[in-house]
Amino acid sequence: MKLKKLWSKILIFSFTMALIMGFSPMAGAAMVKVGALNDVTGATSDVGKDYALGISDAIHYVNDTGGINGKKIKLYQFDYGYRIPEALTKYKLYKRLKCVAVLGWGTGDTEALSPTVTKDKMPYVSASYSAHLTNPAKTPYNLFAAVDYSTNARAAITAWFDKKWPKHPDYGKRKPRFVSSYHFAHPYCSAPIKAIKDQAKLLGFEVGPDQSVTLFAIDTKSQVLAMKDFKPDLVWHGNTTMSVAATVRDAYALGLGADHIVNNWGFDENLPRLAGKAAEGVMGAAVSAFFGNDVPMMDKVKEYAKKYNPGVPLEKRLIRTVQAWANVLALAEAMKRADKAGDLSGESILKNGFETMENFDVGLGVPPLNYTGTDHRISGKVPIYEVKDGKFQVVEVVDLKGRWPDKWAKEWLGW
């Protein structure tokens, strides 16, 4: 526990020093200003600290490799503690500073800001992958370089239904039983609930009562015992890694007997570290490669992690760093395209940048990026992983768009 606290302090110190030192371009060089909101002290800091480091590492990389067609990025990065009012205040600051785009974080603040960024024509590239933000008819300036929560959740329950349910002793005798575990009050946790329950109905599940588990939970025995009354075959977890690990541990200890699927922010390298044997067999969605995987651009991710945050050992870095790089590289590419078109305004970054990307590859194990004026979902294919001996192995790549093309095109956009 002392070691865990030490690494947490190192992460926060590294991030704080980065803020103090800033990411200033070379004196006299043209610059592009970008704001970033991160959570390194709040409810989602268990995943937010590493993401924040990834943002700063990736901005350094972009600047070191030519910036935005020769213009360096000036990054203004703040910890807002996962507090929506603070996010609104910092966004106003970024406007006054004349930032051309924002790298955001949480679902609650991102969705709260969405009408404002639409009015301001401010590209807002967030770590919230809420499907509510993928319909440009409603939220044109919200983007992210990842498959959305709802698509991930649909894919995860489908992969379990395809691969695990046919091996169950009761297969063919009854419907599989399914429950959800998440923090009811947080928009991130509840964002894909409608979608996953719709998918459960589509696949023929019996759906039991949801259980509310807080993001800070370390003891979830009462919720697990409530699940036991329903006797689920499958539990979906919508929280971040710390509380997901606690729930999986308690389910294992109390003999729940269910399998587990997890949304992407609860599924990372810390899950098997925190949950131990209980994590074996847990399935989940990952929107990029895990840190250190052998994929294009990972060498740069590791190089810049070591160079700019040497106080944090590489073995402690997470997939969250990789996710941050994906968003930074996508935004940088959109800004380069807009700049080449002669207009680095927010509207141009959207129209001449993001919405001109067709199968654009940022590497990092991220699906090729596709954004159009009518659909900001990057892909309908989702790799679902399973923890095996503490490592992550692909179980199935679920092609939702291919299997349900009409629903993908006509029903599922934006929810």
Protein backbone atom coordinates (compact mmCIF):
# COMPACT_ATOMS: atom_id res chain seq x y z
CA MET A 1 0.00 0.00 0.00
CA LYS A 2 2.87 2.38 0.81
CA LEU A 3 4.40 1.68 -2.62
CA LYS A 4 1.05 2.38 -4.31
CA LYS A 5 0.77 5.72 -2.50
CA LEU A 6 4.34 6.58 -3.47
CA TRP A 7 3.68 6.02 -7.18
CA SER A 8 0.48 8.05 -6.90
CA LYS A 9 2.43 10.93 -5.39
CA ILE A 10 5.08 10.66 -8.12
CA LEU A 11 2.43 10.80 -10.82
CA ILE A 12 0.78 13.87 -9.29
CA PHE A 13 4.17 15.55 -8.76
CA SER A 14 5.20 14.87 -12.36
CA PHE A 15 1.94 16.31 -13.65
CA THR A 16 2.16 19.35 -11.37
CA MET A 17 5.73 20.10 -12.46
CA ALA A 18 4.62 19.87 -16.07
CA LEU A 19 1.97 22.50 -15.38
CA ILE A 20 4.46 24.77 -13.65
CA MET A 21 7.02 24.43 -16.44
CA GLY A 22 4.43 24.59 -19.19
CA PHE A 23 4.77 23.44 -22.75
CA SER A 24 5.92 26.68 -24.29
CA PRO A 25 7.04 26.77 -27.90
CA MET A 26 10.46 28.10 -28.81
CA ALA A 27 10.79 31.82 -28.43
CA GLY A 28 9.52 33.69 -31.47
CA ALA A 29 7.95 30.66 -33.15
CA ALA A 30 4.34 30.69 -34.29
CA MET A 31 2.11 28.81 -31.91
CA VAL A 32 -1.23 27.05 -31.68
CA LYS A 33 -2.93 27.12 -28.29
CA VAL A 34 -4.71 24.03 -26.97
CA GLY A 35 -6.36 23.52 -23.58
CA ALA A 36 -6.56 20.25 -21.64
CA LEU A 37 -8.74 19.20 -18.71
CA ASN A 38 -7.53 16.25 -16.66
CA ASP A 39 -8.43 14.44 -13.45
CA VAL A 40 -5.39 13.61 -11.32
CA THR A 41 -6.99 14.10 -7.90
CA GLY A 42 -10.71 13.37 -8.32
CA ALA A 43 -13.08 10.42 -8.57
CA THR A 44 -11.53 9.04 -11.78
CA SER A 45 -7.91 9.78 -10.95
CA ASP A 46 -7.15 6.05 -10.83
CA VAL A 47 -7.22 6.21 -14.62
CA GLY A 48 -6.89 9.97 -15.07
CA LYS A 49 -3.32 10.44 -13.80
CA ASP A 50 -1.82 8.22 -16.46
CA TYR A 51 -3.97 9.77 -19.18
CA ALA A 52 -2.78 13.24 -18.15
CA LEU A 53 0.85 12.18 -18.47
CA GLY A 54 0.07 10.73 -21.89
CA ILE A 55 -1.37 14.05 -23.06
CA SER A 56 1.80 15.94 -22.13
CA ASP A 57 4.08 13.25 -23.61
CA ALA A 58 2.17 13.26 -26.90
CA ILE A 59 2.17 17.06 -27.20
CA HIS A 60 5.95 17.01 -26.78
CA TYR A 61 6.15 14.44 -29.57
CA VAL A 62 4.02 16.53 -31.94
CA ASN A 63 6.14 19.60 -31.25
CA ASP A 64 9.39 17.68 -31.66
CA THR A 65 8.27 16.36 -35.05
CA GLY A 66 7.27 19.63 -36.67
CA GLY A 67 4.24 20.75 -34.72
CA ILE A 68 1.30 21.93 -36.79
CA ASN A 69 3.07 22.58 -40.09
CA GLY A 70 5.86 24.36 -38.25
CA LYS A 71 3.68 25.93 -35.56
CA LYS A 72 4.36 24.67 -32.04
CA ILE A 73 1.49 23.71 -29.74
CA LYS A 74 1.22 25.70 -26.52
CA LEU A 75 -0.61 23.41 -24.09
CA TYR A 76 -2.56 24.72 -21.10
CA GLN A 77 -3.21 21.68 -18.90
CA PHE A 78 -5.15 21.72 -15.63
CA ASP A 79 -6.39 19.23 -13.06
CA TYR A 80 -10.08 19.96 -12.49
CA GLY A 81 -10.62 17.13 -9.97
CA TYR A 82 -13.59 15.68 -11.90
CA ARG A 83 -15.75 18.64 -10.83
CA ILE A 84 -18.13 19.94 -13.49
CA PRO A 85 -18.20 23.57 -12.23
CA GLU A 86 -14.40 23.64 -12.34
CA ALA A 87 -14.46 22.30 -15.89
CA LEU A 88 -16.80 25.09 -16.95
CA THR A 89 -14.51 27.68 -15.35
CA LYS A 90 -11.40 26.29 -17.04
CA TYR A 91 -13.17 26.17 -20.41
CA LYS A 92 -13.91 29.88 -20.12
CA LEU A 93 -10.22 30.44 -19.40
CA TYR A 94 -9.26 28.52 -22.56
CA LYS A 95 -11.58 30.74 -24.57
CA ARG A 96 -9.95 33.87 -23.14
CA LEU A 97 -6.54 32.42 -23.96
CA LYS A 98 -7.77 31.91 -27.56
CA CYS A 99 -7.26 28.16 -27.63
CA VAL A 100 -8.33 26.64 -30.94
CA ALA A 101 -9.28 23.27 -29.41
CA VAL A 102 -9.67 21.49 -26.07
CA LEU A 103 -8.62 18.02 -24.97
CA GLY A 104 -11.33 17.13 -22.46
CA TRP A 105 -11.90 14.37 -19.94
CA GLY A 106 -15.12 13.26 -18.21
CA THR A 107 -18.56 12.50 -19.56
CA GLY A 108 -20.46 14.72 -17.13
CA ASP A 109 -18.45 17.85 -17.92
CA THR A 110 -18.09 17.04 -21.62
CA GLU A 111 -21.83 16.59 -22.08
CA ALA A 112 -22.50 19.70 -19.96
CA LEU A 113 -20.16 21.73 -22.16
CA SER A 114 -21.40 20.31 -25.44
CA PRO A 115 -23.97 23.04 -26.24
CA THR A 116 -21.37 25.68 -25.43
CA VAL A 117 -18.61 24.21 -27.58
CA THR A 118 -21.12 23.84 -30.42
CA LYS A 119 -22.04 27.51 -30.14
CA ASP A 120 -18.36 28.50 -29.88
CA LYS A 121 -17.32 26.12 -32.72
CA MET A 122 -14.61 24.75 -30.44
CA PRO A 123 -13.35 21.26 -31.32
CA TYR A 124 -13.54 19.28 -28.08
CA VAL A 125 -11.60 16.01 -28.21
CA SER A 126 -12.44 14.19 -25.01
CA ALA A 127 -11.65 11.06 -23.06
CA SER A 128 -15.40 10.69 -22.70
CA TYR A 129 -16.37 8.23 -25.39
CA SER A 130 -20.08 8.64 -24.74
CA ALA A 131 -22.18 7.63 -27.74
CA HIS A 132 -24.35 10.65 -26.97
CA LEU A 133 -21.53 12.71 -28.51
CA THR A 134 -21.26 10.85 -31.82
CA ASN A 135 -24.15 12.39 -33.75
CA PRO A 136 -22.87 15.58 -35.42
CA ALA A 137 -26.43 16.71 -36.03
CA LYS A 138 -26.57 17.32 -32.25
CA THR A 139 -22.94 17.53 -31.07
CA PRO A 140 -20.82 18.46 -34.11
CA TYR A 141 -17.74 19.68 -32.20
CA ASN A 142 -17.39 16.67 -29.90
CA LEU A 143 -14.92 14.05 -31.13
CA PHE A 144 -12.63 11.29 -29.90
CA ALA A 145 -10.23 8.77 -31.42
CA ALA A 146 -11.92 5.71 -29.95
CA VAL A 147 -14.91 3.45 -30.31
CA ASP A 148 -17.75 4.79 -28.15
CA TYR A 149 -18.99 3.31 -24.86
CA SER A 150 -22.25 2.00 -26.25
CA THR A 151 -20.60 0.24 -29.17
CA ASN A 152 -18.04 -1.24 -26.76
CA ALA A 153 -20.76 -2.42 -24.39
CA ARG A 154 -22.82 -3.98 -27.18
CA ALA A 155 -19.70 -5.74 -28.45
CA ALA A 156 -18.68 -7.03 -25.02
CA ILE A 157 -22.03 -8.65 -24.24
CA THR A 158 -22.16 -10.04 -27.78
CA ALA A 159 -18.69 -11.59 -27.45
CA TRP A 160 -19.67 -13.26 -24.19
CA PHE A 161 -22.90 -14.54 -25.78
CA ASP A 162 -20.93 -15.87 -28.77
CA LYS A 163 -17.99 -17.44 -26.93
CA LYS A 164 -18.94 -18.19 -23.33
CA TRP A 165 -22.67 -18.89 -23.17
CA PRO A 166 -22.59 -21.90 -25.55
CA LYS A 167 -20.19 -23.61 -23.09
CA HIS A 168 -22.51 -23.08 -20.10
CA PRO A 169 -24.27 -26.19 -18.69
CA ASP A 170 -27.64 -24.46 -19.00
CA TYR A 171 -27.15 -23.44 -22.62
CA GLY A 172 -30.28 -24.25 -24.60
CA LYS A 173 -32.31 -24.77 -21.42
CA ARG A 174 -32.98 -21.17 -20.42
CA LYS A 175 -32.12 -17.57 -21.16
CA PRO A 176 -28.79 -16.21 -19.84
CA ARG A 177 -29.21 -13.82 -16.90
CA PHE A 178 -27.54 -10.41 -16.88
CA VAL A 179 -27.08 -7.54 -14.40
CA SER A 180 -25.22 -4.22 -14.45
CA SER A 181 -22.97 -2.76 -11.75
CA TYR A 182 -22.08 0.93 -11.92
CA HIS A 183 -22.27 4.27 -10.11
CA PHE A 184 -25.79 5.45 -10.90
CA ALA A 185 -25.04 9.14 -10.28
CA HIS A 186 -22.16 9.49 -12.74
CA PRO A 187 -22.90 10.12 -16.44
CA TYR A 188 -19.83 8.15 -17.55
CA CYS A 189 -20.93 5.03 -15.72
CA SER A 190 -24.52 5.15 -16.96
CA ALA A 191 -23.84 6.37 -20.51
CA PRO A 192 -24.09 2.95 -22.24
CA ILE A 193 -26.79 1.39 -20.01
CA LYS A 194 -29.59 1.90 -22.50
CA ALA A 195 -27.48 0.41 -25.28
CA ILE A 196 -26.26 -2.66 -23.41
CA LYS A 197 -29.75 -3.50 -22.17
CA ASP A 198 -31.06 -3.10 -25.70
CA GLN A 199 -28.35 -5.50 -26.88
CA ALA A 200 -29.19 -7.91 -24.06
CA LYS A 201 -32.82 -7.92 -25.20
CA LEU A 202 -31.74 -8.38 -28.83
CA LEU A 203 -29.65 -11.42 -27.87
CA GLY A 204 -32.34 -12.91 -25.61
CA PHE A 205 -31.04 -12.24 -22.09
CA GLU A 206 -33.12 -12.00 -18.94
CA VAL A 207 -32.12 -8.66 -17.37
CA GLY A 208 -31.99 -8.30 -13.59
CA PRO A 209 -31.85 -5.26 -11.30
CA ASP A 210 -28.90 -2.86 -11.55
CA GLN A 211 -26.59 -2.43 -8.58
CA SER A 212 -25.11 0.95 -7.68
CA VAL A 213 -21.41 0.78 -6.81
CA THR A 214 -19.61 4.07 -6.20
CA LEU A 215 -16.42 5.02 -8.01
CA PHE A 216 -14.67 5.04 -4.61
CA ALA A 217 -15.94 1.61 -3.50
CA ILE A 218 -13.52 -0.74 -1.76
CA ASP A 219 -16.21 -2.99 -0.23
CA THR A 220 -19.08 -4.13 -2.46
CA LYS A 221 -20.31 -7.18 -0.57
CA SER A 222 -23.85 -5.87 -0.15
CA GLN A 223 -24.20 -5.27 -3.90
CA VAL A 224 -22.76 -8.69 -4.72
CA LEU A 225 -25.15 -10.39 -2.29
CA ALA A 226 -28.03 -8.55 -3.99
CA MET A 227 -26.80 -9.89 -7.32
CA LYS A 228 -26.78 -13.42 -5.90
CA ASP A 229 -30.53 -13.22 -5.39
CA PHE A 230 -30.93 -12.95 -9.17
CA LYS A 231 -28.24 -15.57 -9.93
CA PRO A 232 -26.70 -13.80 -12.92
CA ASP A 233 -24.56 -15.53 -15.49
CA LEU A 234 -22.98 -12.24 -16.51
CA VAL A 235 -22.24 -8.90 -14.82
CA TRP A 236 -21.40 -5.72 -16.73
CA HIS A 237 -19.20 -3.20 -14.89
CA GLY A 238 -19.34 0.48 -15.81
CA ASN A 239 -16.96 2.04 -13.29
CA THR A 240 -13.22 2.78 -13.38
CA THR A 241 -10.59 0.22 -12.49
CA MET A 242 -10.34 0.59 -8.72
CA SER A 243 -13.99 -0.04 -7.91
CA VAL A 244 -14.35 -2.64 -10.68
CA ALA A 245 -11.47 -4.59 -9.10
CA ALA A 246 -13.15 -4.36 -5.69
CA THR A 247 -16.44 -5.69 -7.10
CA VAL A 248 -14.77 -8.54 -9.00
CA ARG A 249 -12.81 -9.51 -5.86
CA ASP A 250 -15.93 -9.59 -3.72
CA ALA A 251 -17.87 -11.53 -6.36
CA TYR A 252 -15.07 -14.11 -6.38
CA ALA A 253 -14.90 -14.32 -2.59
CA LEU A 254 -18.67 -14.65 -2.17
CA GLY A 255 -19.04 -17.25 -4.91
CA LEU A 256 -21.28 -15.24 -7.22
CA GLY A 257 -20.51 -17.66 -10.03
CA ALA A 258 -20.98 -15.10 -12.80
CA ASP A 259 -18.69 -14.00 -15.59
CA HIS A 260 -17.74 -10.34 -15.93
CA ILE A 261 -17.50 -7.83 -18.78
CA VAL A 262 -16.10 -4.34 -18.26
CA ASN A 263 -16.30 -0.95 -19.96
CA ASN A 264 -12.95 0.33 -21.18
CA TRP A 265 -12.12 2.68 -18.26
CA GLY A 266 -12.39 -0.24 -15.83
CA PHE A 267 -10.27 -2.56 -17.92
CA ASP A 268 -6.53 -1.94 -17.79
CA GLU A 269 -3.21 -3.31 -16.54
CA ASN A 270 -4.13 -2.50 -12.94
CA LEU A 271 -7.18 -4.77 -12.94
CA PRO A 272 -5.25 -8.06 -12.60
CA ARG A 273 -2.81 -6.34 -10.23
CA LEU A 274 -5.64 -5.26 -7.92
CA ALA A 275 -8.03 -8.19 -8.33
CA GLY A 276 -5.52 -11.03 -8.56
CA LYS A 277 -7.07 -14.44 -9.29
CA ALA A 278 -10.51 -12.88 -9.41
CA ALA A 279 -9.55 -11.06 -12.62
CA GLU A 280 -8.96 -14.31 -14.52
CA GLY A 281 -11.50 -14.68 -17.29
CA VAL A 282 -12.79 -11.12 -17.00
CA MET A 283 -13.60 -9.71 -20.45
CA GLY A 284 -13.62 -6.11 -21.58
CA ALA A 285 -13.30 -3.57 -24.34
CA ALA A 286 -10.05 -1.75 -25.02
CA VAL A 287 -10.01 1.15 -27.48
CA SER A 288 -6.28 0.93 -28.21
CA ALA A 289 -3.32 -1.38 -27.63
CA PHE A 290 -2.16 -1.80 -24.07
CA PHE A 291 0.99 0.04 -23.01
CA GLY A 292 4.07 -1.66 -24.44
CA ASN A 293 2.27 -3.86 -26.98
CA ASP A 294 4.10 -4.38 -30.26
CA VAL A 295 2.12 -2.03 -32.51
CA PRO A 296 3.07 0.98 -34.67
CA MET A 297 3.97 4.12 -32.68
CA MET A 298 4.38 2.28 -29.37
CA ASP A 299 8.14 2.83 -29.56
CA LYS A 300 7.51 6.58 -29.50
CA VAL A 301 5.02 6.27 -26.65
CA LYS A 302 7.61 4.48 -24.53
CA GLU A 303 10.44 6.81 -25.60
CA TYR A 304 8.53 9.94 -24.62
CA ALA A 305 7.21 8.44 -21.39
CA LYS A 306 10.78 7.72 -20.34
CA LYS A 307 12.10 11.07 -21.58
CA TYR A 308 9.52 13.44 -20.08
CA ASN A 309 8.30 11.51 -17.03
CA PRO A 310 11.32 9.45 -15.92
CA GLY A 311 10.04 9.36 -12.34
CA VAL A 312 7.28 6.98 -13.38
CA PRO A 313 8.65 3.54 -14.36
CA LEU A 314 7.46 2.23 -17.71
CA GLU A 315 6.03 -0.86 -16.02
CA LYS A 316 3.65 1.44 -14.11
CA ARG A 317 2.32 3.17 -17.21
CA LEU A 318 -1.07 2.07 -18.53
CA ILE A 319 -3.20 1.83 -21.63
CA ARG A 320 -4.49 5.26 -20.56
CA THR A 321 -1.26 6.81 -21.87
CA VAL A 322 -1.92 5.20 -25.25
CA GLN A 323 -5.50 6.48 -25.33
CA ALA A 324 -4.24 10.00 -24.66
CA TRP A 325 -1.76 9.74 -27.53
CA ALA A 326 -4.55 8.65 -29.88
CA ASN A 327 -6.62 11.75 -29.11
CA VAL A 328 -3.60 14.07 -29.41
CA LEU A 329 -2.50 12.58 -32.73
CA ALA A 330 -6.02 12.78 -34.13
CA LEU A 331 -6.35 16.43 -33.10
CA ALA A 332 -2.89 17.24 -34.46
CA GLU A 333 -3.75 15.70 -37.82
CA ALA A 334 -7.03 17.63 -37.98
CA MET A 335 -5.21 20.88 -37.20
CA LYS A 336 -2.55 20.17 -39.85
CA ARG A 337 -5.23 19.63 -42.48
CA ALA A 338 -7.09 22.77 -41.46
CA ASP A 339 -3.88 24.79 -41.48
CA LYS A 340 -3.03 23.52 -44.98
CA ALA A 341 -6.47 24.69 -46.06
CA GLY A 342 -5.47 28.15 -44.82
CA ASP A 343 -7.84 28.34 -41.85
CA LEU A 344 -7.00 27.16 -38.35
CA SER A 345 -10.36 28.13 -36.87
CA GLY A 346 -12.51 25.65 -34.98
CA GLU A 347 -14.92 25.26 -37.86
CA SER A 348 -12.07 24.51 -40.26
CA ILE A 349 -10.49 22.02 -37.84
CA LEU A 350 -13.83 20.19 -37.90
CA LYS A 351 -14.74 20.47 -41.58
CA ASN A 352 -11.31 20.56 -43.26
CA GLY A 353 -9.71 18.40 -40.59
CA PHE A 354 -11.65 15.69 -38.78
CA GLU A 355 -14.43 15.24 -41.30
CA THR A 356 -11.94 14.67 -44.13
CA MET A 357 -10.43 11.65 -42.36
CA GLU A 358 -11.21 8.35 -44.05
CA ASN A 359 -9.46 5.28 -42.67
CA PHE A 360 -6.76 7.49 -41.17
CA ASP A 361 -4.33 5.38 -39.15
CA VAL A 362 -2.75 6.83 -36.00
CA GLY A 363 -1.22 3.46 -35.11
CA LEU A 364 -1.34 2.48 -31.43
CA GLY A 365 -3.76 -0.36 -32.11
CA VAL A 366 -6.58 2.14 -32.66
CA PRO A 367 -9.05 1.36 -35.46
CA PRO A 368 -8.60 3.60 -38.53
CA LEU A 369 -10.38 6.90 -37.94
CA ASN A 370 -13.47 7.80 -39.94
CA TYR A 371 -15.45 10.97 -39.33
CA THR A 372 -18.16 12.31 -41.61
CA GLY A 373 -20.57 15.20 -41.45
CA THR A 374 -23.32 12.76 -40.43
CA ASP A 375 -21.51 10.25 -38.19
CA HIS A 376 -18.60 10.65 -35.77
CA ARG A 377 -18.37 6.96 -34.80
CA ILE A 378 -14.92 5.88 -35.91
CA SER A 379 -15.63 2.16 -36.37
CA GLY A 380 -18.18 -0.61 -35.93
CA LYS A 381 -15.56 -3.27 -35.16
CA VAL A 382 -14.53 -3.84 -31.55
CA PRO A 383 -11.84 -6.20 -30.19
CA ILE A 384 -12.93 -7.78 -26.91
CA TYR A 385 -10.19 -9.03 -24.61
CA GLU A 386 -10.03 -11.54 -21.78
CA VAL A 387 -7.60 -11.68 -18.85
CA LYS A 388 -5.55 -14.88 -19.09
CA ASP A 389 -2.70 -15.43 -16.62
CA GLY A 390 -2.72 -11.71 -15.90
CA LYS A 391 -2.37 -10.79 -19.57
CA PHE A 392 -4.86 -9.55 -22.15
CA GLN A 393 -5.85 -11.78 -25.05
CA VAL A 394 -8.34 -11.05 -27.82
CA VAL A 395 -11.47 -13.23 -27.53
CA GLU A 396 -13.34 -11.92 -30.54
CA VAL A 397 -13.50 -8.90 -32.83
CA VAL A 398 -17.19 -8.09 -32.93
CA ASP A 399 -18.37 -6.42 -36.12
CA LEU A 400 -21.57 -4.69 -35.01
CA LYS A 401 -21.89 -2.70 -38.23
CA GLY A 402 -21.55 -5.86 -40.31
CA ARG A 403 -23.92 -8.01 -38.22
CA TRP A 404 -26.66 -5.43 -37.72
CA PRO A 405 -26.18 -2.95 -40.60
CA ASP A 406 -29.69 -1.50 -40.46
CA LYS A 407 -29.59 -0.91 -36.72
CA TRP A 408 -26.09 0.56 -37.00
CA ALA A 409 -27.17 2.99 -39.72
CA LYS A 410 -30.69 3.86 -38.58
CA GLU A 411 -31.05 3.25 -34.84
CA TRP A 412 -27.83 3.22 -32.81
CA LEU A 413 -26.21 6.56 -33.69
CA GLY A 414 -26.08 8.89 -30.71
CA TRP A 415 -27.14 6.49 -27.95
